[in-house]
Amino acid sequence: MNRVMSSAVSGLVLTAAIGTAAYMASHSPQAKRRKLKRTANHALHTLGDMVDTVACMMHG
């Protein structure tokens, strides 16, 4: 996969994750909202690390 395609795929995945977290946060009670926000933050950081790792592997 070339660099442009890799960037596009990681952008789409990140947008989907953020959109899902925002939707779920807006339709939850306050306590669940806080926990969901914490979990989504952790998931986004993990996803970012994964994308960085894959990018490093592709560039050798």
Protein backbone atom coordinates (compact mmCIF):
# COMPACT_ATOMS: atom_id res chain seq x y z
CA MET A 1 0.00 0.00 0.00
CA ASN A 2 1.41 3.38 -0.89
CA ARG A 3 1.66 6.38 1.41
CA VAL A 4 -1.45 8.16 0.06
CA MET A 5 -3.62 5.07 0.45
CA SER A 6 -2.25 4.44 3.94
CA SER A 7 -3.06 8.00 5.00
CA ALA A 8 -6.55 7.76 3.54
CA VAL A 9 -7.31 4.47 5.31
CA SER A 10 -6.01 5.69 8.66
CA GLY A 11 -8.01 8.91 8.26
CA LEU A 12 -11.20 6.96 7.57
CA VAL A 13 -10.65 4.66 10.54
CA LEU A 14 -9.97 7.60 12.86
CA THR A 15 -13.04 9.48 11.61
CA ALA A 16 -15.25 6.42 12.13
CA ALA A 17 -13.93 5.92 15.67
CA ILE A 18 -14.45 9.57 16.61
CA GLY A 19 -17.93 9.65 15.06
CA THR A 20 -19.00 6.51 16.90
CA ALA A 21 -17.68 7.81 20.21
CA ALA A 22 -19.41 11.17 19.72
CA TYR A 23 -22.73 9.53 18.86
CA MET A 24 -22.60 7.21 21.84
CA ALA A 25 -21.57 10.04 24.17
CA SER A 26 -24.46 12.24 23.10
CA HIS A 27 -27.02 9.49 23.77
CA SER A 28 -25.84 8.28 27.20
CA PRO A 29 -26.48 9.26 30.84
CA GLN A 30 -23.82 11.43 32.55
CA ALA A 31 -21.96 8.63 34.39
CA LYS A 32 -21.81 6.43 31.32
CA ARG A 33 -20.74 9.42 29.25
CA ARG A 34 -17.65 9.99 31.42
CA LYS A 35 -16.66 6.32 31.27
CA LEU A 36 -17.26 6.20 27.53
CA LYS A 37 -15.16 9.32 27.02
CA ARG A 38 -12.28 7.75 28.96
CA THR A 39 -12.58 4.49 27.03
CA ALA A 40 -12.79 6.27 23.67
CA ASN A 41 -9.70 8.33 24.50
CA HIS A 42 -7.78 5.17 25.34
CA ALA A 43 -9.01 3.48 22.15
CA LEU A 44 -7.97 6.43 19.99
CA HIS A 45 -4.49 6.47 21.50
CA THR A 46 -4.17 2.73 20.89
CA LEU A 47 -5.41 3.15 17.33
CA GLY A 48 -2.89 5.93 16.72
CA ASP A 49 -0.07 3.75 18.02
CA MET A 50 -1.21 0.92 15.78
CA VAL A 51 -1.31 3.15 12.69
CA ASP A 52 2.18 4.47 13.51
CA THR A 53 3.47 0.92 13.87
CA VAL A 54 2.00 -0.16 10.55
CA ALA A 55 3.43 2.95 8.86
CA CYS A 56 6.88 2.18 10.26
CA MET A 57 6.63 -1.42 9.08
CA MET A 58 5.69 -0.27 5.57
CA HIS A 59 8.63 2.09 5.32
CA GLY A 60 11.02 -0.57 6.54
